[in-house]
Amino acid sequence: MQPRFHDKVAVVIGGNSGIGLASARAFALEGARVVITGRDRATLTRAAQSIGGDVLPVRCDMSDLRQIDALAGEIRERLGRIDVLFVNAGTGAFIPIEAVTESDWDRLMAVNLKGVFFTVQKSLPLMPKGGAIVLNSSIGWKKGIPTGSVYAASKAGVRALGRNFAAELVGRGIRVNVVSPGPIDTPIIGRTAGLAPEMIPALRKQMLENTPMRRMGEPAEVARAALFLASDEASFITGVDLLVDGGAASF
């Protein structure tokens, strides 16, 4: 049997660390030609080297539409199409309502919502019938979390995009689904706005207490869910939100 993504082009936005890197590795192991993006060139280079195989690293800040255009242009020139698009990149924030500034709001929405929308828009001309899009949201859109309002709003928007993209693209033979991770052990926890380093141990403790499985998830566990949604195994699935959260949003 051939691997699930044999000779397919899989683009992982934010594929240079965490869930994105785990997903890019998994796509490569299953036969895909992989494109990874990120904002830091050195991190991208290290990620591509760790993945090995046929990997194209492209520096791209998804909050900048010009860079998204350039990414689509490079993929068109180098690979010709996109069979799978995993829009994984995002940023977090824990900021009290009174402390949120317009720049906080704009920064988060530019990456987590605007960037997601326009990455999909610019990728569609390269996607043939049978293509699959997976968006990375969060259980944050389902939960009421103190100081999480701006982040939750952005991720609720991603969930809404997934549902509406699915409805609009189903006639073109393109499936769109969402994966919503819960507490996953990734580097993002160390660079979340409003979260000082000394606050991280208490946050991790709270996450564990609120997760029925009593552990953090691993990036590879989210990657497996994303690959399932992107694969032909999910051929009759579109518009869903798959929670990968150890039961945190369900119990």
Protein backbone atom coordinates (compact mmCIF):
# COMPACT_ATOMS: atom_id res chain seq x y z
CA MET A 1 0.00 0.00 0.00
CA GLN A 2 1.17 3.51 -0.81
CA PRO A 3 1.41 6.07 2.01
CA ARG A 4 -1.70 8.24 2.44
CA PHE A 5 -0.06 11.34 0.98
CA HIS A 6 2.08 9.78 -1.73
CA ASP A 7 3.03 12.41 -4.33
CA LYS A 8 0.80 15.05 -2.73
CA VAL A 9 1.83 18.58 -1.82
CA ALA A 10 1.12 19.42 1.82
CA VAL A 11 1.56 23.01 3.00
CA VAL A 12 1.88 23.52 6.75
CA ILE A 13 1.57 27.14 7.80
CA GLY A 14 3.60 27.56 10.96
CA GLY A 15 5.41 24.30 10.31
CA ASN A 16 8.63 25.28 12.05
CA SER A 17 7.73 24.27 15.63
CA GLY A 18 5.20 22.59 17.87
CA ILE A 19 2.08 21.13 16.28
CA GLY A 20 3.08 22.39 12.84
CA LEU A 21 6.50 20.74 12.92
CA ALA A 22 5.03 17.46 14.18
CA SER A 23 2.48 17.59 11.37
CA ALA A 24 5.08 18.40 8.71
CA ARG A 25 7.16 15.42 9.84
CA ALA A 26 4.10 13.18 9.70
CA PHE A 27 3.13 14.38 6.20
CA ALA A 28 6.69 13.76 5.00
CA LEU A 29 6.77 10.27 6.50
CA GLU A 30 3.53 9.52 4.67
CA GLY A 31 4.91 10.46 1.28
CA ALA A 32 4.05 14.13 0.86
CA ARG A 33 6.18 16.87 -0.60
CA VAL A 34 6.03 19.35 2.25
CA VAL A 35 6.11 23.14 2.42
CA ILE A 36 6.63 24.70 5.86
CA THR A 37 6.37 28.37 6.75
CA GLY A 38 7.43 30.50 9.68
CA ARG A 39 8.67 33.97 10.46
CA ASP A 40 12.21 33.10 11.57
CA ARG A 41 14.55 31.91 8.83
CA ALA A 42 16.97 30.12 11.17
CA THR A 43 14.17 28.20 12.89
CA LEU A 44 12.76 27.26 9.49
CA THR A 45 16.13 25.94 8.33
CA ARG A 46 16.53 23.81 11.45
CA ALA A 47 12.99 22.50 11.10
CA ALA A 48 13.50 21.56 7.44
CA GLN A 49 16.73 19.74 8.33
CA SER A 50 14.99 17.81 11.11
CA ILE A 51 12.17 16.75 8.77
CA GLY A 52 14.45 15.65 5.95
CA GLY A 53 13.22 14.51 2.56
CA ASP A 54 11.48 16.78 0.08
CA VAL A 55 10.81 19.90 2.18
CA LEU A 56 10.51 23.51 1.01
CA PRO A 57 10.92 26.08 3.82
CA VAL A 58 9.44 29.50 3.03
CA ARG A 59 9.68 32.51 5.32
CA CYS A 60 6.19 34.01 5.68
CA ASP A 61 4.45 36.18 8.24
CA MET A 62 0.77 35.35 7.78
CA SER A 63 -0.30 38.73 9.15
CA ASP A 64 1.19 40.32 6.00
CA LEU A 65 -0.87 39.79 2.84
CA ARG A 66 2.09 40.59 0.60
CA GLN A 67 4.03 37.73 2.14
CA ILE A 68 1.05 35.39 1.73
CA ASP A 69 0.92 36.37 -1.96
CA ALA A 70 4.64 35.68 -2.27
CA LEU A 71 4.20 32.28 -0.61
CA ALA A 72 1.46 31.30 -3.06
CA GLY A 73 3.62 32.47 -5.94
CA GLU A 74 6.61 30.41 -4.81
CA ILE A 75 4.49 27.30 -4.37
CA ARG A 76 2.97 27.80 -7.83
CA GLU A 77 6.43 28.16 -9.37
CA ARG A 78 8.15 25.33 -7.46
CA LEU A 79 5.40 22.74 -6.99
CA GLY A 80 2.43 23.78 -9.10
CA ARG A 81 -0.39 22.93 -6.70
CA ILE A 82 -1.54 22.44 -3.10
CA ASP A 83 -3.30 19.18 -2.23
CA VAL A 84 -3.41 19.74 1.53
CA LEU A 85 -3.34 23.04 3.39
CA PHE A 86 -2.93 22.96 7.17
CA VAL A 87 -3.27 26.51 8.50
CA ASN A 88 -1.66 25.98 11.87
CA ALA A 89 0.17 29.22 12.74
CA GLY A 90 -1.24 31.31 15.52
CA THR A 91 -0.42 33.32 18.60
CA GLY A 92 -1.84 33.43 22.12
CA ALA A 93 -2.70 36.01 24.77
CA PHE A 94 -3.96 36.11 28.33
CA ILE A 95 -4.83 39.76 28.97
CA PRO A 96 -7.49 41.15 31.36
CA ILE A 97 -10.34 42.98 29.63
CA GLU A 98 -9.35 46.35 31.07
CA ALA A 99 -5.75 45.96 29.92
CA VAL A 100 -6.44 45.01 26.28
CA THR A 101 -5.28 47.70 23.86
CA GLU A 102 -6.22 48.22 20.25
CA SER A 103 -2.75 47.06 19.23
CA ASP A 104 -3.21 43.86 21.29
CA TRP A 105 -6.50 43.20 19.49
CA ASP A 106 -5.12 44.00 16.04
CA ARG A 107 -1.94 41.94 16.52
CA LEU A 108 -3.82 38.83 17.58
CA MET A 109 -6.56 39.10 14.96
CA ALA A 110 -4.02 39.80 12.19
CA VAL A 111 -2.40 36.42 12.72
CA ASN A 112 -5.17 34.23 14.13
CA LEU A 113 -8.09 35.34 11.95
CA LYS A 114 -7.15 37.66 9.09
CA GLY A 115 -4.10 35.58 8.29
CA VAL A 116 -6.13 32.38 8.25
CA PHE A 117 -8.74 33.82 5.91
CA PHE A 118 -6.32 35.24 3.38
CA THR A 119 -4.00 32.23 3.46
CA VAL A 120 -6.96 30.10 2.38
CA GLN A 121 -8.07 32.69 -0.19
CA LYS A 122 -4.63 32.93 -1.81
CA SER A 123 -4.19 29.14 -1.79
CA LEU A 124 -7.48 28.22 -3.46
CA PRO A 125 -6.33 28.85 -7.06
CA LEU A 126 -3.68 26.16 -6.49
CA MET A 127 -6.05 23.57 -5.01
CA PRO A 128 -7.55 20.93 -7.31
CA LYS A 129 -10.71 18.93 -6.75
CA GLY A 130 -10.06 16.46 -3.95
CA GLY A 131 -8.04 18.96 -1.94
CA ALA A 132 -8.33 19.28 1.83
CA ILE A 133 -7.98 22.23 4.18
CA VAL A 134 -7.51 21.90 7.94
CA LEU A 135 -7.65 24.94 10.21
CA ASN A 136 -6.14 24.95 13.70
CA SER A 137 -8.50 26.53 16.22
CA SER A 138 -8.57 25.83 19.98
CA ILE A 139 -10.94 24.66 22.68
CA GLY A 140 -10.56 28.27 23.85
CA TRP A 141 -13.50 29.17 21.61
CA LYS A 142 -15.71 26.74 23.57
CA LYS A 143 -14.57 27.58 27.09
CA GLY A 144 -14.91 30.63 29.29
CA ILE A 145 -11.36 31.40 30.40
CA PRO A 146 -10.52 34.52 32.46
CA THR A 147 -8.22 36.90 30.52
CA GLY A 148 -8.72 34.83 27.35
CA SER A 149 -11.39 36.93 25.63
CA VAL A 150 -9.38 38.23 22.65
CA TYR A 151 -7.74 34.87 21.97
CA ALA A 152 -11.08 33.07 22.28
CA ALA A 153 -12.75 35.53 19.91
CA SER A 154 -10.05 34.92 17.29
CA LYS A 155 -10.35 31.15 17.61
CA ALA A 156 -14.15 31.27 17.50
CA GLY A 157 -13.68 33.13 14.23
CA VAL A 158 -11.48 30.31 12.93
CA ARG A 159 -14.18 27.78 13.80
CA ALA A 160 -16.74 29.91 11.95
CA LEU A 161 -14.45 30.18 8.94
CA GLY A 162 -14.08 26.41 8.85
CA ARG A 163 -17.84 25.87 8.78
CA ASN A 164 -18.46 28.54 6.14
CA PHE A 165 -15.48 27.62 3.95
CA ALA A 166 -16.73 24.02 4.00
CA ALA A 167 -20.17 25.08 2.81
CA GLU A 168 -18.77 27.30 0.07
CA LEU A 169 -16.13 24.91 -1.25
CA VAL A 170 -17.98 21.59 -1.12
CA GLY A 171 -19.17 22.06 -4.71
CA ARG A 172 -15.55 22.41 -5.80
CA GLY A 173 -14.61 19.10 -4.21
CA ILE A 174 -12.54 20.69 -1.45
CA ARG A 175 -13.14 19.58 2.11
CA VAL A 176 -12.56 21.96 5.04
CA ASN A 177 -12.33 20.88 8.67
CA VAL A 178 -11.09 22.27 11.97
CA VAL A 179 -8.96 20.72 14.68
CA SER A 180 -9.22 22.29 18.15
CA PRO A 181 -6.42 21.35 20.53
CA GLY A 182 -6.66 21.64 24.27
CA PRO A 183 -3.61 21.86 26.56
CA ILE A 184 -0.72 20.81 24.30
CA ASP A 185 2.90 20.92 25.40
CA THR A 186 4.39 23.29 22.79
CA PRO A 187 6.78 26.26 22.87
CA ILE A 188 3.91 28.74 22.43
CA ILE A 189 3.23 28.68 26.16
CA GLY A 190 6.53 30.46 26.69
CA ARG A 191 5.75 33.32 24.31
CA THR A 192 2.14 34.11 25.09
CA ALA A 193 1.29 37.78 25.62
CA GLY A 194 0.29 38.57 29.19
CA LEU A 195 1.87 35.39 30.57
CA ALA A 196 5.03 36.12 32.56
CA PRO A 197 7.55 33.25 32.88
CA GLU A 198 6.89 32.93 36.61
CA MET A 199 3.18 32.35 35.89
CA ILE A 200 3.72 29.35 33.61
CA PRO A 201 4.04 26.63 36.31
CA ALA A 202 0.71 27.68 37.88
CA LEU A 203 -0.95 27.74 34.47
CA ARG A 204 0.32 24.27 33.61
CA LYS A 205 -0.96 23.00 36.98
CA GLN A 206 -4.38 24.51 36.29
CA MET A 207 -4.45 22.96 32.81
CA LEU A 208 -3.68 19.52 34.23
CA GLU A 209 -6.38 19.87 36.89
CA ASN A 210 -8.94 20.85 34.24
CA THR A 211 -8.08 17.98 31.89
CA PRO A 212 -9.76 14.66 32.68
CA MET A 213 -6.77 12.70 31.33
CA ARG A 214 -4.55 14.62 33.79
CA ARG A 215 -1.76 15.28 31.32
CA MET A 216 -0.73 17.67 28.58
CA GLY A 217 -1.19 16.52 25.02
CA GLU A 218 1.74 16.00 22.67
CA PRO A 219 2.08 17.84 19.34
CA ALA A 220 2.11 14.49 17.53
CA GLU A 221 -1.34 13.71 18.90
CA VAL A 222 -2.77 16.80 17.22
CA ALA A 223 -0.78 16.03 14.09
CA ARG A 224 -2.44 12.62 13.82
CA ALA A 225 -5.87 14.26 13.98
CA ALA A 226 -4.93 16.84 11.34
CA LEU A 227 -3.57 14.16 9.01
CA PHE A 228 -6.74 12.11 9.40
CA LEU A 229 -8.91 15.09 8.45
CA ALA A 230 -6.64 15.82 5.48
CA SER A 231 -6.60 12.22 4.25
CA ASP A 232 -8.96 10.19 2.09
CA GLU A 233 -9.93 8.34 5.27
CA ALA A 234 -12.04 11.43 6.03
CA SER A 235 -13.51 11.62 2.52
CA PHE A 236 -17.09 12.02 3.81
CA ILE A 237 -16.19 14.55 6.52
CA THR A 238 -16.37 18.31 6.04
CA GLY A 239 -17.23 21.24 8.29
CA VAL A 240 -16.44 19.45 11.57
CA ASP A 241 -14.44 20.57 14.59
CA LEU A 242 -12.35 17.72 16.02
CA LEU A 243 -11.36 18.30 19.63
CA VAL A 244 -7.96 16.98 20.71
CA ASP A 245 -8.06 17.95 24.35
CA GLY A 246 -8.05 14.97 26.71
CA GLY A 247 -11.72 15.66 27.44
CA ALA A 248 -11.14 19.20 28.73
CA ALA A 249 -14.03 20.76 26.80
CA SER A 250 -16.44 17.84 27.04
CA PHE A 251 -16.61 16.71 30.70
